[in-house]
Amino acid sequence: MHDAQYVSRRQAERDYSRRIPVSFTMEKELYDMVDDLIDRKVFKDRTHAINAALDYLKWTLQHNPMLFYGPRNNQ
C-alpha cells in the first residue's frame, strides 16, 4: 500500500493546478534561441525553457542580486 504523502517526481510534475496559462511577446532573437535549445533537447518545450529561465532569475535575485542589477559587460 502506498502512502499518499510520498508522490513520485513524475506525478508531482503532472500537478497542473499550480500552473496558470499566460501569453507574452518576446524578441525574435530570444525566440530563436529558445527554439534552438528545444531542438538540441536542452528543454522539452517553450514552457519548460521559460520556467527554467524565470526560476534561475528568481534564484539569482534572492541569492546574488548584483549579478542582475550590477554593471553589465558589453560584449
N, C-alpha and C. Protein backbone atom coordinates (compact mmCIF):
# COMPACT_ATOMS: atom_id res chain seq x y z
N MET A 1 0.84 -1.18 0.00
CA MET A 1 0.00 0.00 0.00
C MET A 1 0.88 1.24 0.00
N HIS A 2 0.53 2.22 -0.83
CA HIS A 2 1.33 3.43 -0.96
C HIS A 2 0.82 4.52 -0.04
N ASP A 3 1.73 5.21 0.58
CA ASP A 3 1.38 6.32 1.44
C ASP A 3 1.15 7.54 0.55
N ALA A 4 0.06 8.26 0.73
CA ALA A 4 -0.33 9.37 -0.13
C ALA A 4 0.65 10.55 -0.05
N GLN A 5 1.40 10.69 1.03
CA GLN A 5 2.29 11.82 1.13
C GLN A 5 3.55 11.65 0.29
N TYR A 6 3.87 10.45 -0.13
CA TYR A 6 5.04 10.21 -0.98
C TYR A 6 4.58 10.13 -2.43
N VAL A 7 4.90 11.18 -3.18
CA VAL A 7 4.50 11.27 -4.57
C VAL A 7 5.76 11.29 -5.42
N SER A 8 5.75 10.50 -6.48
CA SER A 8 6.93 10.48 -7.35
C SER A 8 7.10 11.82 -8.05
N ARG A 9 8.31 12.07 -8.52
CA ARG A 9 8.61 13.32 -9.24
C ARG A 9 7.70 13.46 -10.46
N ARG A 10 7.51 12.37 -11.17
CA ARG A 10 6.66 12.41 -12.36
C ARG A 10 5.24 12.84 -12.00
N GLN A 11 4.69 12.29 -10.92
CA GLN A 11 3.34 12.67 -10.50
C GLN A 11 3.30 14.12 -10.06
N ALA A 12 4.33 14.60 -9.39
CA ALA A 12 4.36 16.00 -8.96
C ALA A 12 4.37 16.93 -10.16
N GLU A 13 5.07 16.55 -11.23
CA GLU A 13 5.12 17.40 -12.42
C GLU A 13 3.77 17.45 -13.14
N ARG A 14 2.93 16.49 -12.90
CA ARG A 14 1.62 16.47 -13.55
C ARG A 14 0.58 17.30 -12.79
N ASP A 15 0.96 17.91 -11.69
CA ASP A 15 0.03 18.72 -10.91
C ASP A 15 -0.14 20.07 -11.60
N TYR A 16 -1.12 20.16 -12.49
CA TYR A 16 -1.33 21.37 -13.26
C TYR A 16 -2.10 22.44 -12.49
N SER A 17 -2.55 22.15 -11.29
CA SER A 17 -3.30 23.14 -10.52
C SER A 17 -2.42 24.31 -10.10
N ARG A 18 -1.10 24.13 -10.11
CA ARG A 18 -0.20 25.22 -9.75
C ARG A 18 0.22 26.03 -10.97
N ARG A 19 -0.24 25.69 -12.13
CA ARG A 19 0.16 26.37 -13.36
C ARG A 19 -0.95 27.28 -13.86
N ILE A 20 -0.55 28.42 -14.37
CA ILE A 20 -1.50 29.39 -14.90
C ILE A 20 -1.09 29.70 -16.33
N PRO A 21 -1.99 29.55 -17.29
CA PRO A 21 -1.63 29.86 -18.68
C PRO A 21 -1.41 31.37 -18.86
N VAL A 22 -0.33 31.72 -19.56
CA VAL A 22 -0.03 33.13 -19.84
C VAL A 22 0.36 33.27 -21.30
N SER A 23 0.31 34.49 -21.77
CA SER A 23 0.74 34.80 -23.12
C SER A 23 1.60 36.05 -23.06
N PHE A 24 2.70 36.08 -23.80
CA PHE A 24 3.55 37.26 -23.81
C PHE A 24 4.27 37.35 -25.15
N THR A 25 4.82 38.51 -25.39
CA THR A 25 5.57 38.76 -26.62
C THR A 25 7.05 38.82 -26.28
N MET A 26 7.86 38.22 -27.12
CA MET A 26 9.30 38.23 -26.88
C MET A 26 10.04 38.61 -28.16
N GLU A 27 11.28 39.03 -27.99
CA GLU A 27 12.10 39.41 -29.13
C GLU A 27 12.40 38.18 -29.99
N LYS A 28 12.49 38.39 -31.30
CA LYS A 28 12.73 37.30 -32.24
C LYS A 28 14.03 36.56 -31.91
N GLU A 29 15.08 37.29 -31.54
CA GLU A 29 16.36 36.66 -31.22
C GLU A 29 16.22 35.69 -30.04
N LEU A 30 15.46 36.08 -29.02
CA LEU A 30 15.25 35.20 -27.87
C LEU A 30 14.38 34.00 -28.26
N TYR A 31 13.37 34.25 -29.07
CA TYR A 31 12.50 33.18 -29.55
C TYR A 31 13.32 32.12 -30.31
N ASP A 32 14.18 32.58 -31.20
CA ASP A 32 15.02 31.67 -31.97
C ASP A 32 15.97 30.89 -31.06
N MET A 33 16.51 31.57 -30.03
CA MET A 33 17.41 30.90 -29.10
C MET A 33 16.68 29.80 -28.34
N VAL A 34 15.47 30.09 -27.87
CA VAL A 34 14.67 29.10 -27.14
C VAL A 34 14.37 27.91 -28.06
N ASP A 35 13.96 28.18 -29.28
CA ASP A 35 13.67 27.08 -30.21
C ASP A 35 14.91 26.25 -30.51
N ASP A 36 16.08 26.89 -30.60
CA ASP A 36 17.32 26.16 -30.81
C ASP A 36 17.61 25.24 -29.62
N LEU A 37 17.39 25.74 -28.41
CA LEU A 37 17.61 24.91 -27.21
C LEU A 37 16.65 23.73 -27.18
N ILE A 38 15.44 23.94 -27.65
CA ILE A 38 14.46 22.84 -27.72
C ILE A 38 14.90 21.82 -28.77
N ASP A 39 15.34 22.31 -29.93
CA ASP A 39 15.82 21.40 -30.99
C ASP A 39 17.00 20.56 -30.52
N ARG A 40 17.86 21.16 -29.67
CA ARG A 40 19.03 20.44 -29.15
C ARG A 40 18.69 19.60 -27.92
N LYS A 41 17.41 19.54 -27.57
CA LYS A 41 16.92 18.72 -26.46
C LYS A 41 17.40 19.21 -25.09
N VAL A 42 17.73 20.51 -24.99
CA VAL A 42 18.08 21.08 -23.69
C VAL A 42 16.81 21.22 -22.86
N PHE A 43 15.73 21.65 -23.53
CA PHE A 43 14.41 21.76 -22.90
C PHE A 43 13.40 21.01 -23.74
N LYS A 44 12.33 20.54 -23.10
CA LYS A 44 11.35 19.75 -23.85
C LYS A 44 10.37 20.62 -24.63
N ASP A 45 10.13 21.85 -24.17
CA ASP A 45 9.24 22.76 -24.88
C ASP A 45 9.47 24.18 -24.39
N ARG A 46 8.75 25.15 -24.98
CA ARG A 46 8.94 26.56 -24.61
C ARG A 46 8.57 26.81 -23.15
N THR A 47 7.52 26.17 -22.68
CA THR A 47 7.12 26.34 -21.29
C THR A 47 8.25 25.93 -20.35
N HIS A 48 8.86 24.80 -20.64
CA HIS A 48 9.97 24.31 -19.82
C HIS A 48 11.13 25.32 -19.84
N ALA A 49 11.46 25.85 -21.01
CA ALA A 49 12.56 26.80 -21.14
C ALA A 49 12.27 28.10 -20.38
N ILE A 50 11.08 28.65 -20.55
CA ILE A 50 10.75 29.91 -19.90
C ILE A 50 10.67 29.73 -18.38
N ASN A 51 10.08 28.62 -17.92
CA ASN A 51 10.03 28.36 -16.48
C ASN A 51 11.43 28.23 -15.89
N ALA A 52 12.34 27.56 -16.61
CA ALA A 52 13.71 27.41 -16.12
C ALA A 52 14.40 28.77 -16.05
N ALA A 53 14.21 29.60 -17.06
CA ALA A 53 14.83 30.93 -17.07
C ALA A 53 14.31 31.79 -15.93
N LEU A 54 13.00 31.77 -15.72
CA LEU A 54 12.43 32.58 -14.64
C LEU A 54 12.81 32.04 -13.27
N ASP A 55 12.91 30.73 -13.14
CA ASP A 55 13.34 30.14 -11.89
C ASP A 55 14.78 30.55 -11.58
N TYR A 56 15.64 30.56 -12.60
CA TYR A 56 17.02 30.99 -12.42
C TYR A 56 17.08 32.47 -12.04
N LEU A 57 16.26 33.30 -12.70
CA LEU A 57 16.22 34.72 -12.37
C LEU A 57 15.76 34.92 -10.92
N LYS A 58 14.74 34.19 -10.50
CA LYS A 58 14.25 34.27 -9.12
C LYS A 58 15.36 33.90 -8.14
N TRP A 59 16.06 32.80 -8.39
CA TRP A 59 17.14 32.36 -7.52
C TRP A 59 18.25 33.42 -7.46
N THR A 60 18.60 33.97 -8.62
CA THR A 60 19.66 34.98 -8.69
C THR A 60 19.28 36.21 -7.89
N LEU A 61 18.06 36.69 -8.04
CA LEU A 61 17.61 37.88 -7.31
C LEU A 61 17.59 37.64 -5.80
N GLN A 62 17.31 36.42 -5.38
CA GLN A 62 17.27 36.11 -3.95
C GLN A 62 18.66 35.92 -3.36
N HIS A 63 19.58 35.35 -4.12
CA HIS A 63 20.87 34.97 -3.57
C HIS A 63 22.04 35.86 -3.96
N ASN A 64 21.98 36.49 -5.11
CA ASN A 64 23.06 37.37 -5.55
C ASN A 64 22.49 38.42 -6.50
N PRO A 65 21.70 39.36 -5.99
CA PRO A 65 21.01 40.31 -6.86
C PRO A 65 21.94 41.19 -7.69
N MET A 66 23.18 41.37 -7.24
CA MET A 66 24.09 42.21 -8.02
C MET A 66 24.48 41.57 -9.35
N LEU A 67 24.31 40.26 -9.48
CA LEU A 67 24.52 39.64 -10.79
C LEU A 67 23.51 40.17 -11.80
N PHE A 68 22.32 40.55 -11.31
CA PHE A 68 21.29 41.08 -12.20
C PHE A 68 21.34 42.61 -12.26
N TYR A 69 21.44 43.25 -11.10
CA TYR A 69 21.36 44.70 -11.04
C TYR A 69 22.71 45.40 -11.24
N GLY A 70 23.80 44.65 -11.13
CA GLY A 70 25.13 45.25 -11.22
C GLY A 70 25.48 45.68 -12.62
N PRO A 71 26.70 46.16 -12.78
CA PRO A 71 27.14 46.63 -14.10
C PRO A 71 27.13 45.50 -15.13
N ARG A 72 26.82 45.85 -16.36
CA ARG A 72 26.77 44.89 -17.46
C ARG A 72 28.07 44.95 -18.26
N ASN A 73 28.52 43.80 -18.68
CA ASN A 73 29.67 43.73 -19.59
C ASN A 73 29.16 43.77 -21.01
N ASN A 74 29.55 44.78 -21.75
CA ASN A 74 29.16 44.86 -23.17
C ASN A 74 30.10 44.00 -23.98
N GLN A 75 29.56 42.92 -24.53
CA GLN A 75 30.40 42.01 -25.31
C GLN A 75 30.02 42.05 -26.75
